[in-house]
Amino acid sequence: QVQLVESGGGLVQAGGSLRLSCAASGSIPRVTTMGWYRQAPGKQRELVAVITSGDNTNYADSVKGRFTISRDNARKTVYLQMITLKPEDTAVYYCNTHYVSWGRAYDYWGQGTQVTVSS
């Protein structure tokens, strides 16, 4: 049973910072592609940042220069450091991992953590 558990969300004023964590447990490879997505009310879920098994990173244009994704492979944990937060960053943030093992594709999501940025 694979689980992704996010933590670190909360309420912060505009200009503030938060760090989200996502810990993976269960039978998954030690290093997989992991990413953060977010969904604001009335909007579609969108990619925020992703880090591949080779540690390549990619960011949504709206967060470049403000958000940083990183990982601790030993802990199977991925982080999202968010600075200079804006009200438009308010959303539920979801952790995702996906990989292929023995020819089968796997895709897992966390339960989400709320980030609210007040103006």
Protein backbone atom coordinates (compact mmCIF):
# COMPACT_ATOMS: atom_id res chain seq x y z
CA GLN A 1 0.00 0.00 0.00
CA VAL A 2 1.57 3.27 -1.15
CA GLN A 3 0.77 6.46 0.70
CA LEU A 4 1.74 10.06 0.13
CA VAL A 5 1.23 12.28 3.15
CA GLU A 6 1.51 16.05 2.76
CA SER A 7 2.10 18.50 5.57
CA GLY A 8 3.09 22.11 6.07
CA GLY A 9 0.09 23.96 4.69
CA GLY A 10 -1.59 26.78 6.53
CA LEU A 11 -2.58 30.43 6.55
CA VAL A 12 0.06 33.02 5.75
CA GLN A 13 0.06 36.69 4.82
CA ALA A 14 1.07 37.83 1.37
CA GLY A 15 4.84 37.99 1.12
CA GLY A 16 5.26 35.19 3.62
CA SER A 17 6.76 31.73 3.26
CA LEU A 18 5.75 28.13 3.76
CA ARG A 19 7.45 24.78 3.25
CA LEU A 20 5.38 21.80 2.22
CA SER A 21 6.54 18.24 2.75
CA CYS A 22 5.35 15.02 1.17
CA ALA A 23 6.47 11.72 2.64
CA ALA A 24 6.04 8.56 0.61
CA SER A 25 5.64 5.17 2.23
CA GLY A 26 5.04 1.68 1.01
CA SER A 27 6.47 -0.33 -1.84
CA ILE A 28 7.70 2.31 -4.25
CA PRO A 29 11.17 2.75 -5.73
CA ARG A 30 13.47 4.83 -3.61
CA VAL A 31 13.75 7.47 -6.33
CA THR A 32 10.81 8.40 -8.55
CA THR A 33 9.50 11.46 -10.31
CA MET A 34 7.61 13.51 -7.76
CA GLY A 35 5.65 16.67 -8.16
CA TRP A 36 3.41 19.23 -6.59
CA TYR A 37 0.09 20.26 -8.09
CA ARG A 38 -2.52 22.70 -6.86
CA GLN A 39 -6.20 23.29 -7.32
CA ALA A 40 -7.91 26.54 -6.50
CA PRO A 41 -11.69 26.75 -6.08
CA GLY A 42 -13.43 26.62 -9.44
CA LYS A 43 -10.20 25.91 -11.30
CA GLN A 44 -8.54 22.86 -12.75
CA ARG A 45 -5.65 21.17 -11.01
CA GLU A 46 -2.37 22.51 -12.35
CA LEU A 47 1.27 21.50 -12.15
CA VAL A 48 3.33 23.64 -9.78
CA ALA A 49 6.71 21.91 -9.78
CA VAL A 50 8.21 18.53 -10.58
CA ILE A 51 11.51 16.82 -9.85
CA THR A 52 12.54 13.77 -11.84
CA SER A 53 14.45 10.74 -10.69
CA GLY A 54 17.49 12.41 -12.22
CA ASP A 55 16.87 15.57 -10.16
CA ASN A 56 15.81 17.67 -13.12
CA THR A 57 13.25 20.26 -12.08
CA ASN A 58 10.49 22.11 -13.86
CA TYR A 59 8.21 24.88 -12.62
CA ALA A 60 5.03 26.60 -13.63
CA ASP A 61 5.79 30.08 -14.95
CA SER A 62 3.69 31.61 -12.19
CA VAL A 63 5.98 30.26 -9.45
CA LYS A 64 9.43 30.45 -11.05
CA GLY A 65 11.85 32.27 -8.81
CA ARG A 66 9.56 31.92 -5.78
CA PHE A 67 9.12 28.17 -5.30
CA THR A 68 11.81 25.52 -5.02
CA ILE A 69 11.25 21.77 -5.17
CA SER A 70 13.76 19.43 -3.56
CA ARG A 71 13.94 15.88 -2.31
CA ASP A 72 15.48 13.63 0.30
CA ASN A 73 15.76 10.22 -1.30
CA ALA A 74 16.69 8.45 1.91
CA ARG A 75 13.43 9.65 3.47
CA LYS A 76 11.39 9.32 0.24
CA THR A 77 10.30 12.89 0.89
CA VAL A 78 9.81 15.81 -1.45
CA TYR A 79 9.62 19.42 -0.35
CA LEU A 80 8.21 22.61 -1.80
CA GLN A 81 9.73 25.78 -0.40
CA MET A 82 7.46 28.71 -1.17
CA ILE A 83 8.50 32.32 -0.66
CA THR A 84 6.97 35.67 -1.53
CA LEU A 85 3.56 34.06 -1.47
CA LYS A 86 0.69 35.81 -3.22
CA PRO A 87 -3.08 35.54 -2.68
CA GLU A 88 -3.32 33.78 -6.05
CA ASP A 89 -1.21 30.95 -4.64
CA THR A 90 -4.17 30.01 -2.44
CA ALA A 91 -5.16 26.44 -3.29
CA VAL A 92 -5.11 22.87 -2.12
CA TYR A 93 -1.65 21.51 -2.87
CA TYR A 94 -1.31 17.86 -3.84
CA CYS A 95 1.75 15.64 -3.99
CA ASN A 96 2.09 13.14 -6.83
CA THR A 97 4.45 10.40 -7.82
CA HIS A 98 4.38 8.28 -10.94
CA TYR A 99 6.68 5.63 -12.30
CA VAL A 100 6.85 2.48 -14.36
CA SER A 101 7.88 -0.78 -12.79
CA TRP A 102 8.01 -4.13 -14.57
CA GLY A 103 6.09 -2.61 -17.48
CA ARG A 104 3.25 -1.34 -15.34
CA ALA A 105 2.50 2.34 -14.75
CA TYR A 106 1.78 3.61 -11.24
CA ASP A 107 0.32 6.98 -10.27
CA TYR A 108 -0.31 8.05 -6.68
CA TRP A 109 -1.71 11.21 -5.09
CA GLY A 110 -1.71 12.57 -1.58
CA GLN A 111 -4.81 13.84 0.17
CA GLY A 112 -3.84 17.49 -0.24
CA THR A 113 -2.89 20.31 2.09
CA GLN A 114 -4.56 23.71 2.12
CA VAL A 115 -2.48 26.83 1.54
CA THR A 116 -4.24 30.13 2.12
CA VAL A 117 -2.51 33.43 1.45
CA SER A 118 -4.25 36.51 2.80
CA SER A 119 -3.80 39.95 1.27
